Amino acid sequence: MRIVWSFSPKNEMVYRLVDIHFHGLACSGHAIHPSQRSRVLTSAPITLEENVWLGANVTVVGGVFNRETNLKFMEVFMNKEWSEMNKTMQLQIKKKDTFSTGIDTLLTLREELMKQILQFKTELSFDDFSAMPYMNAKGYHSKTIAYSLWHIFRIEDIVAHTLISDDEQVLFKGDYQRRINSPIITTANELVKEEISEFSKKLSIEELYNYIIDVDTSTTQVLKALEYSDIKEKITDEKRKQLEMLNVVSGDENAYWLIDYWCGKDVKGLIQMPFSRHWIMHIEACLKIRDKQLSIK
């Protein structure tokens, strides 16, 4: 176990505690699932360099690496408009009087994000979707655009239909695994580096976009049907078992934690991550890849 520190040109330690707020640095950890918790231990260094801001009560986990970024509350929001809409939505859905307005805000945010997703299709070549210009970087931009799009909408499809609506996922209903030519039905969390590249090259981008549109349309219907009383509902043990039986989440340690994460949330918690913030984080990463690809043409 080790923590990697760096110093400013004035030889001052970059990381500082702000006022009296507590910050935790956790280099070691363990698997999330109870059956693996005592057998699978993890350890990774934490590297914090310049221009780092850790918000109050943040816990930094092993593997976090920063270089010339603004790390605020462990999220990177480069688009201020998306960030503000997301924050507004989260406040609105908490209260009964503003819940419907919050859903409208969420749908507006998703429309704006979808415009960017569709724009990738007009800007980029097939090879660009499977390019990995930042393969060895730490962060979502180390993936491919094709991977991120598959990942975003597989997670949304699973959460919206298996965990919330309790009906058939779009992937299965529309025979999209065959149409997209995907070798997997999972979220792809288990894939790393060259595996991500090879996976991305196999996908039909045209059919992937058809899947994206169908999932987005179905999720919009799910969101519009929600009442304020629904958002406090927890994921039942029956739904968890059904999810596990579908094998849409890999048993790999890099993926299986998703089941614990989702099933530990109520519906409001699921709205706040897979349906909004998750989009933002991956689309921002895709934009970085797009800019790199366009710059070398």
Protein backbone atom coordinates (compact mmCIF):
# COMPACT_ATOMS: atom_id res chain seq x y z
CA MET A 1 0.00 0.00 0.00
CA ARG A 2 1.36 3.43 -0.86
CA ILE A 3 0.20 7.01 -1.39
CA VAL A 4 1.95 9.02 -4.07
CA TRP A 5 2.25 12.73 -3.31
CA SER A 6 3.61 15.46 -5.56
CA PHE A 7 4.78 18.95 -4.72
CA SER A 8 4.30 22.36 -6.26
CA PRO A 9 7.21 24.34 -7.76
CA LYS A 10 7.51 26.06 -4.38
CA ASN A 11 8.07 22.64 -2.80
CA GLU A 12 4.79 22.87 -0.94
CA MET A 13 2.55 19.84 -0.59
CA VAL A 14 -0.31 20.26 -3.06
CA TYR A 15 -2.93 18.39 -1.05
CA ARG A 16 -4.26 20.33 1.93
CA LEU A 17 -7.20 19.95 4.28
CA VAL A 18 -9.66 22.79 3.79
CA ASP A 19 -10.74 24.38 7.07
CA ILE A 20 -11.63 21.47 9.36
CA HIS A 21 -13.27 19.20 6.79
CA PHE A 22 -12.31 15.54 6.92
CA HIS A 23 -10.87 13.76 3.90
CA GLY A 24 -10.25 10.01 3.71
CA LEU A 25 -7.62 8.29 1.57
CA ALA A 26 -8.36 4.56 1.17
CA CYS A 27 -5.70 2.70 -0.82
CA SER A 28 -6.95 -0.77 0.07
CA GLY A 29 -10.35 -2.38 -0.29
CA HIS A 30 -12.19 -5.62 -0.89
CA ALA A 31 -14.78 -7.13 -3.21
CA ILE A 32 -18.32 -5.88 -2.67
CA HIS A 33 -20.23 -9.16 -2.93
CA PRO A 34 -20.38 -11.02 0.43
CA SER A 35 -19.21 -14.31 -1.10
CA GLN A 36 -16.02 -12.68 -2.40
CA ARG A 37 -15.37 -10.12 0.34
CA SER A 38 -12.95 -12.17 2.41
CA ARG A 39 -11.17 -13.69 -0.62
CA VAL A 40 -10.60 -10.74 -2.92
CA LEU A 41 -8.54 -7.89 -1.48
CA THR A 42 -7.45 -4.92 -3.56
CA SER A 43 -4.75 -2.31 -3.25
CA ALA A 44 -3.89 0.63 -5.48
CA PRO A 45 -1.97 3.89 -5.06
CA ILE A 46 -3.54 7.35 -4.94
CA THR A 47 -1.78 10.07 -6.91
CA LEU A 48 -2.86 13.69 -6.44
CA GLU A 49 -0.92 16.28 -8.38
CA GLU A 50 -1.66 19.94 -9.13
CA ASN A 51 -5.02 21.75 -9.26
CA VAL A 52 -6.86 19.26 -7.08
CA TRP A 53 -9.84 20.24 -4.98
CA LEU A 54 -11.33 17.60 -2.67
CA GLY A 55 -14.76 18.55 -1.34
CA ALA A 56 -15.75 18.19 2.31
CA ASN A 57 -16.01 14.61 3.64
CA VAL A 58 -14.73 13.09 0.39
CA THR A 59 -13.19 9.61 0.51
CA VAL A 60 -10.57 9.04 -2.20
CA VAL A 61 -10.28 5.39 -3.24
CA GLY A 62 -7.28 3.49 -4.51
CA GLY A 63 -6.49 3.96 -8.17
CA VAL A 64 -7.46 7.62 -8.34
CA PHE A 65 -4.93 9.50 -10.44
CA ASN A 66 -5.00 13.22 -11.15
CA ARG A 67 -2.95 15.40 -13.48
CA GLU A 68 -3.98 18.99 -14.23
CA THR A 69 -7.67 18.43 -13.60
CA ASN A 70 -10.30 20.08 -11.48
CA LEU A 71 -11.49 17.25 -9.26
CA LYS A 72 -14.55 18.55 -7.44
CA PHE A 73 -16.47 16.19 -5.19
CA MET A 74 -14.89 13.40 -7.23
CA GLU A 75 -16.82 14.36 -10.38
CA VAL A 76 -15.65 16.12 -13.50
CA PHE A 77 -18.30 18.30 -15.10
CA MET A 78 -16.82 20.28 -17.97
CA ASN A 79 -20.20 21.41 -19.31
CA LYS A 80 -21.68 23.92 -16.89
CA GLU A 81 -25.17 23.81 -18.40
CA TRP A 82 -25.44 20.02 -18.02
CA SER A 83 -24.08 20.20 -14.50
CA GLU A 84 -26.54 22.87 -13.39
CA MET A 85 -29.51 21.07 -14.93
CA ASN A 86 -28.49 17.88 -13.18
CA LYS A 87 -28.18 19.62 -9.81
CA THR A 88 -31.54 21.35 -10.29
CA MET A 89 -33.23 18.06 -11.18
CA GLN A 90 -31.84 16.32 -8.11
CA LEU A 91 -33.25 19.02 -5.84
CA GLN A 92 -36.63 19.06 -7.58
CA ILE A 93 -37.33 15.32 -7.43
CA LYS A 94 -36.76 15.29 -3.67
CA LYS A 95 -39.98 17.21 -3.00
CA LYS A 96 -43.52 16.18 -3.85
CA ASP A 97 -44.51 19.66 -5.04
CA THR A 98 -41.64 19.87 -7.55
CA PHE A 99 -41.31 16.19 -8.50
CA SER A 100 -43.10 16.51 -11.85
CA THR A 101 -41.04 19.58 -12.69
CA GLY A 102 -37.92 17.60 -11.79
CA ILE A 103 -38.84 14.84 -14.22
CA ASP A 104 -39.36 17.48 -16.92
CA THR A 105 -35.91 18.91 -16.11
CA LEU A 106 -34.40 15.45 -16.37
CA LEU A 107 -36.04 14.82 -19.74
CA THR A 108 -34.78 18.18 -21.01
CA LEU A 109 -31.26 17.33 -19.83
CA ARG A 110 -31.45 13.96 -21.56
CA GLU A 111 -32.60 15.62 -24.78
CA GLU A 112 -29.55 17.90 -24.71
CA LEU A 113 -27.22 14.99 -24.03
CA MET A 114 -28.84 12.93 -26.76
CA LYS A 115 -28.14 15.72 -29.26
CA GLN A 116 -24.44 15.30 -28.48
CA ILE A 117 -24.63 11.52 -28.79
CA LEU A 118 -26.30 11.82 -32.20
CA GLN A 119 -23.72 14.37 -33.28
CA PHE A 120 -20.94 11.82 -32.80
CA LYS A 121 -22.53 9.79 -35.58
CA THR A 122 -22.28 12.67 -38.06
CA GLU A 123 -18.77 13.74 -37.03
CA LEU A 124 -16.92 10.46 -36.70
CA SER A 125 -15.89 7.54 -38.85
CA PHE A 126 -16.38 3.90 -37.93
CA ASP A 127 -12.72 3.67 -36.86
CA ASP A 128 -13.13 6.69 -34.59
CA PHE A 129 -15.76 4.85 -32.57
CA SER A 130 -13.25 2.11 -31.71
CA ALA A 131 -10.22 4.36 -31.28
CA MET A 132 -8.43 4.37 -27.91
CA PRO A 133 -6.07 7.37 -27.94
CA TYR A 134 -5.92 7.38 -24.14
CA MET A 135 -5.74 3.63 -23.46
CA ASN A 136 -3.29 3.96 -20.59
CA ALA A 137 -4.97 6.95 -18.94
CA LYS A 138 -6.99 6.79 -15.74
CA GLY A 139 -10.60 7.71 -16.38
CA TYR A 140 -13.54 7.02 -18.69
CA HIS A 141 -11.68 8.52 -21.65
CA SER A 142 -9.39 5.47 -21.55
CA LYS A 143 -12.23 3.51 -23.20
CA THR A 144 -13.73 3.91 -26.68
CA ILE A 145 -16.78 5.89 -27.76
CA ALA A 146 -18.50 2.70 -28.93
CA TYR A 147 -17.82 1.08 -25.55
CA SER A 148 -19.18 4.07 -23.63
CA LEU A 149 -22.37 4.18 -25.69
CA TRP A 150 -22.97 0.45 -25.25
CA HIS A 151 -22.18 0.74 -21.53
CA ILE A 152 -24.47 3.74 -20.91
CA PHE A 153 -27.48 2.18 -22.56
CA ARG A 154 -27.02 -1.39 -21.35
CA ILE A 155 -26.98 -0.07 -17.79
CA GLU A 156 -30.04 2.09 -18.46
CA ASP A 157 -31.89 -0.76 -20.17
CA ILE A 158 -31.19 -3.11 -17.25
CA VAL A 159 -32.12 -0.61 -14.56
CA ALA A 160 -35.22 0.80 -16.27
CA HIS A 161 -36.75 -2.53 -17.22
CA THR A 162 -35.51 -5.25 -14.88
CA LEU A 163 -35.26 -3.18 -11.69
CA ILE A 164 -37.93 -0.49 -12.08
CA SER A 165 -40.58 -1.56 -14.59
CA ASP A 166 -40.10 -5.30 -14.13
CA ASP A 167 -40.50 -6.04 -17.82
CA GLU A 168 -38.38 -7.19 -20.77
CA GLN A 169 -35.19 -5.34 -21.63
CA VAL A 170 -35.01 -3.61 -25.02
CA LEU A 171 -31.89 -5.65 -25.88
CA PHE A 172 -33.85 -8.88 -25.77
CA LYS A 173 -37.15 -7.54 -27.04
CA GLY A 174 -35.54 -6.04 -30.13
CA ASP A 175 -33.02 -8.85 -30.76
CA TYR A 176 -30.31 -6.23 -30.49
CA GLN A 177 -27.45 -8.47 -29.46
CA ARG A 178 -27.61 -10.14 -32.89
CA ARG A 179 -28.33 -6.89 -34.73
CA ILE A 180 -25.43 -5.02 -33.09
CA ASN A 181 -23.19 -8.08 -33.45
CA SER A 182 -22.20 -7.88 -29.81
CA PRO A 183 -20.40 -10.90 -28.33
CA ILE A 184 -21.81 -10.01 -24.88
CA ILE A 185 -25.09 -8.97 -23.24
CA THR A 186 -23.44 -7.47 -20.16
CA THR A 187 -22.58 -3.87 -19.27
CA ALA A 188 -18.98 -4.54 -20.44
CA ASN A 189 -17.47 -3.44 -17.12
CA GLU A 190 -15.40 -6.61 -17.18
CA LEU A 191 -13.50 -5.59 -20.33
CA VAL A 192 -10.11 -3.87 -20.18
CA LYS A 193 -7.77 -2.21 -22.67
CA GLU A 194 -7.34 -4.38 -25.81
CA GLU A 195 -10.51 -6.28 -24.92
CA ILE A 196 -12.43 -2.99 -25.14
CA SER A 197 -10.82 -2.20 -28.48
CA GLU A 198 -11.64 -5.60 -29.98
CA PHE A 199 -15.18 -5.49 -28.63
CA SER A 200 -15.76 -2.03 -30.11
CA LYS A 201 -14.54 -3.04 -33.57
CA LYS A 202 -17.14 -5.83 -33.74
CA LEU A 203 -20.16 -3.60 -33.16
CA SER A 204 -22.50 -2.34 -35.83
CA ILE A 205 -22.59 1.38 -35.09
CA GLU A 206 -25.81 1.80 -37.07
CA GLU A 207 -27.62 -0.81 -35.00
CA LEU A 208 -26.02 0.45 -31.80
CA TYR A 209 -27.64 3.81 -32.49
CA ASN A 210 -30.99 2.15 -33.15
CA TYR A 211 -30.64 0.48 -29.75
CA ILE A 212 -29.73 3.80 -28.12
CA ILE A 213 -32.83 5.48 -29.54
CA ASP A 214 -35.13 2.62 -28.49
CA VAL A 215 -33.73 2.53 -24.95
CA ASP A 216 -34.01 6.30 -24.61
CA THR A 217 -37.62 6.21 -25.83
CA SER A 218 -38.57 3.42 -23.44
CA THR A 219 -36.84 5.10 -20.49
CA THR A 220 -38.71 8.32 -21.22
CA GLN A 221 -41.96 6.37 -20.91
CA VAL A 222 -40.80 4.83 -17.63
CA LEU A 223 -39.88 8.24 -16.22
CA LYS A 224 -43.14 9.86 -17.27
CA ALA A 225 -45.11 7.09 -15.56
CA LEU A 226 -43.39 7.57 -12.20
CA GLU A 227 -45.23 9.13 -9.27
CA TYR A 228 -43.57 10.79 -6.30
CA SER A 229 -44.60 7.85 -4.10
CA ASP A 230 -42.63 5.48 -6.38
CA ILE A 231 -39.21 7.02 -5.81
CA LYS A 232 -38.80 5.74 -2.26
CA GLU A 233 -39.29 2.13 -3.33
CA LYS A 234 -36.31 -0.15 -2.71
CA ILE A 235 -35.20 -2.92 -5.05
CA THR A 236 -36.70 -6.17 -3.77
CA ASP A 237 -34.82 -9.42 -3.24
CA GLU A 238 -36.98 -10.96 -5.97
CA LYS A 239 -35.84 -8.37 -8.50
CA ARG A 240 -32.23 -8.89 -7.48
CA LYS A 241 -32.55 -12.64 -8.04
CA GLN A 242 -34.16 -12.04 -11.41
CA LEU A 243 -31.33 -9.70 -12.35
CA GLU A 244 -28.72 -12.27 -11.37
CA MET A 245 -30.49 -15.00 -13.36
CA LEU A 246 -30.40 -12.89 -16.54
CA ASN A 247 -26.55 -12.86 -16.48
CA VAL A 248 -26.49 -9.30 -17.80
CA VAL A 249 -23.85 -8.32 -15.24
CA SER A 250 -20.55 -10.19 -15.38
CA GLY A 251 -19.33 -12.07 -12.32
CA ASP A 252 -15.99 -10.29 -12.72
CA GLU A 253 -15.04 -8.11 -9.74
CA ASN A 254 -14.97 -5.04 -11.98
CA ALA A 255 -18.62 -5.60 -12.83
CA TYR A 256 -20.42 -7.55 -10.12
CA TRP A 257 -20.38 -4.64 -7.67
CA LEU A 258 -23.03 -3.01 -9.89
CA ILE A 259 -25.67 -5.39 -8.56
CA ASP A 260 -24.93 -4.41 -4.97
CA TYR A 261 -24.84 -0.74 -5.95
CA TRP A 262 -28.18 -0.75 -7.80
CA CYS A 263 -29.97 -2.95 -5.29
CA GLY A 264 -28.83 -0.71 -2.45
CA LYS A 265 -30.60 2.26 -4.01
CA ASP A 266 -34.20 3.37 -4.07
CA VAL A 267 -35.79 4.52 -7.34
CA LYS A 268 -34.73 8.12 -6.69
CA GLY A 269 -31.11 7.00 -6.38
CA LEU A 270 -31.34 5.15 -9.67
CA ILE A 271 -32.80 8.22 -11.40
CA GLN A 272 -29.89 10.32 -10.14
CA MET A 273 -27.14 8.08 -11.53
CA PRO A 274 -27.87 5.78 -14.50
CA PHE A 275 -30.41 8.14 -16.07
CA SER A 276 -28.48 11.41 -15.78
CA ARG A 277 -25.07 11.73 -14.15
CA HIS A 278 -23.81 8.51 -15.73
CA TRP A 279 -24.60 9.94 -19.18
CA ILE A 280 -22.72 13.16 -18.42
CA MET A 281 -19.59 11.44 -17.17
CA HIS A 282 -19.27 9.16 -20.19
CA ILE A 283 -20.27 11.77 -22.78
CA GLU A 284 -17.61 14.12 -21.43
CA ALA A 285 -15.08 11.31 -21.87
CA CYS A 286 -16.34 10.67 -25.41
CA LEU A 287 -15.91 14.35 -26.24
CA LYS A 288 -12.27 14.16 -25.21
CA ILE A 289 -11.74 11.14 -27.47
CA ARG A 290 -13.61 12.86 -30.33
CA ASP A 291 -11.48 15.99 -30.06
CA LYS A 292 -8.32 13.90 -30.12
CA GLN A 293 -9.46 11.95 -33.17
CA LEU A 294 -10.50 15.06 -35.09
CA SER A 295 -7.23 16.80 -34.24
CA ILE A 296 -5.15 14.13 -35.97
CA LYS A 297 -7.09 14.13 -39.22
